[in-house]
Each structure stands twice: as C-alpha cells, then as structure tokens.
Amino acid sequence: MRHIYIRGIIGLIWLMVAVVSIVSGNLKMSVLYVILCSIFIYSAYKTWKIDKDDKGDK
C-alpha cells in the first residue's frame, strides 16, 4: 500500500514542478513534467483500483 502513496506523492510533486515551469515560461519542459505526472498518478490509481478489487473478493 505504501507504493501507492509514494507514486501519488511523486505525481503531485511532478505536477507542482510543471506549474512552476509554466509560470517561469519554460513550456517545453512543462510538457515533459505533465507527462511524468500523468504516468505516476495513473499508475497509482490503477494499482489502488486493483488492490481495492482484490480485497472485495475475499
């Protein structure tokens, strides 16, 4: 369960970095940060969903 929290936190950190990058005007790197944010948050969500479904079957 900790890996879900860690992935979520890292995703939120990448999201904050993307916002700072957009504000500073570095749009090329902000696209990269948004992609990284999306990957981490999607991964955390899918893992959470699988764990939630597995606990419901028992």
C-alpha atoms as a PDB file:
ATOM      1  CA  MET A   1       0.000   0.000   0.000  1.00  0.00           C
ATOM      2  CA  ARG A   2       2.929   2.327   0.612  1.00  0.00           C
ATOM      3  CA  HIS A   3       3.967   2.191  -3.034  1.00  0.00           C
ATOM      4  CA  ILE A   4       0.580   3.650  -3.989  1.00  0.00           C
ATOM      5  CA  TYR A   5       1.115   6.615  -1.668  1.00  0.00           C
ATOM      6  CA  ILE A   6       4.674   7.102  -2.877  1.00  0.00           C
ATOM      7  CA  ARG A   7       3.610   7.104  -6.526  1.00  0.00           C
ATOM      8  CA  GLY A   8       0.819   9.561  -5.740  1.00  0.00           C
ATOM      9  CA  ILE A   9       3.152  11.896  -3.885  1.00  0.00           C
ATOM     10  CA  ILE A  10       5.744  11.773  -6.660  1.00  0.00           C
ATOM     11  CA  GLY A  11       2.973  12.500  -9.180  1.00  0.00           C
ATOM     12  CA  LEU A  12       1.873  15.534  -7.180  1.00  0.00           C
ATOM     13  CA  ILE A  13       5.459  16.747  -6.969  1.00  0.00           C
ATOM     14  CA  TRP A  14       5.773  16.494 -10.765  1.00  0.00           C
ATOM     15  CA  LEU A  15       2.503  18.415 -11.062  1.00  0.00           C
ATOM     16  CA  MET A  16       3.876  21.221  -8.883  1.00  0.00           C
ATOM     17  CA  VAL A  17       7.081  21.282 -10.932  1.00  0.00           C
ATOM     18  CA  ALA A  18       5.000  21.551 -14.116  1.00  0.00           C
ATOM     19  CA  VAL A  19       3.064  24.511 -12.713  1.00  0.00           C
ATOM     20  CA  VAL A  20       6.277  26.279 -11.693  1.00  0.00           C
ATOM     21  CA  SER A  21       7.723  25.562 -15.129  1.00  0.00           C
ATOM     22  CA  ILE A  22       4.660  27.031 -16.856  1.00  0.00           C
ATOM     23  CA  VAL A  23       4.818  30.145 -14.668  1.00  0.00           C
ATOM     24  CA  SER A  24       8.507  30.613 -15.418  1.00  0.00           C
ATOM     25  CA  GLY A  25       7.810  30.309 -19.142  1.00  0.00           C
ATOM     26  CA  ASN A  26       9.583  27.038 -19.884  1.00  0.00           C
ATOM     27  CA  LEU A  27       6.745  25.399 -21.814  1.00  0.00           C
ATOM     28  CA  LYS A  28       8.841  22.683 -23.448  1.00  0.00           C
ATOM     29  CA  MET A  29       9.851  21.183 -20.113  1.00  0.00           C
ATOM     30  CA  SER A  30       6.387  21.653 -18.630  1.00  0.00           C
ATOM     31  CA  VAL A  31       5.004  19.214 -21.213  1.00  0.00           C
ATOM     32  CA  LEU A  32       7.519  16.619 -20.026  1.00  0.00           C
ATOM     33  CA  TYR A  33       6.575  17.230 -16.395  1.00  0.00           C
ATOM     34  CA  VAL A  34       2.861  16.898 -17.131  1.00  0.00           C
ATOM     35  CA  ILE A  35       3.507  13.585 -18.901  1.00  0.00           C
ATOM     36  CA  LEU A  36       5.543  12.321 -15.942  1.00  0.00           C
ATOM     37  CA  CYS A  37       2.840  13.486 -13.543  1.00  0.00           C
ATOM     38  CA  SER A  38       0.185  11.675 -15.549  1.00  0.00           C
ATOM     39  CA  ILE A  39       2.170   8.445 -15.647  1.00  0.00           C
ATOM     40  CA  PHE A  40       2.775   8.383 -11.892  1.00  0.00           C
ATOM     41  CA  ILE A  41      -0.782   9.307 -10.921  1.00  0.00           C
ATOM     42  CA  TYR A  42      -2.298   6.852 -13.426  1.00  0.00           C
ATOM     43  CA  SER A  43      -0.036   4.101 -12.123  1.00  0.00           C
ATOM     44  CA  ALA A  44      -1.011   4.836  -8.520  1.00  0.00           C
ATOM     45  CA  TYR A  45      -4.712   4.898  -9.420  1.00  0.00           C
ATOM     46  CA  LYS A  46      -4.613   1.600 -11.339  1.00  0.00           C
ATOM     47  CA  THR A  47      -2.699  -0.130  -8.537  1.00  0.00           C
ATOM     48  CA  TRP A  48      -5.128   1.242  -5.944  1.00  0.00           C
ATOM     49  CA  LYS A  49      -8.084   0.069  -8.023  1.00  0.00           C
ATOM     50  CA  ILE A  50      -6.635  -3.439  -8.387  1.00  0.00           C
ATOM     51  CA  ASP A  51      -5.893  -3.653  -4.637  1.00  0.00           C
ATOM     52  CA  LYS A  52      -9.395  -2.416  -3.838  1.00  0.00           C
ATOM     53  CA  ASP A  53     -10.993  -5.009  -6.129  1.00  0.00           C
ATOM     54  CA  ASP A  54      -8.835  -7.812  -4.702  1.00  0.00           C
ATOM     55  CA  LYS A  55      -9.877  -7.003  -1.133  1.00  0.00           C
ATOM     56  CA  GLY A  56     -13.550  -7.004  -2.136  1.00  0.00           C
ATOM     57  CA  ASP A  57     -13.311 -10.562  -3.498  1.00  0.00           C
ATOM     58  CA  LYS A  58     -12.055 -12.073  -0.244  1.00  0.00           C
END
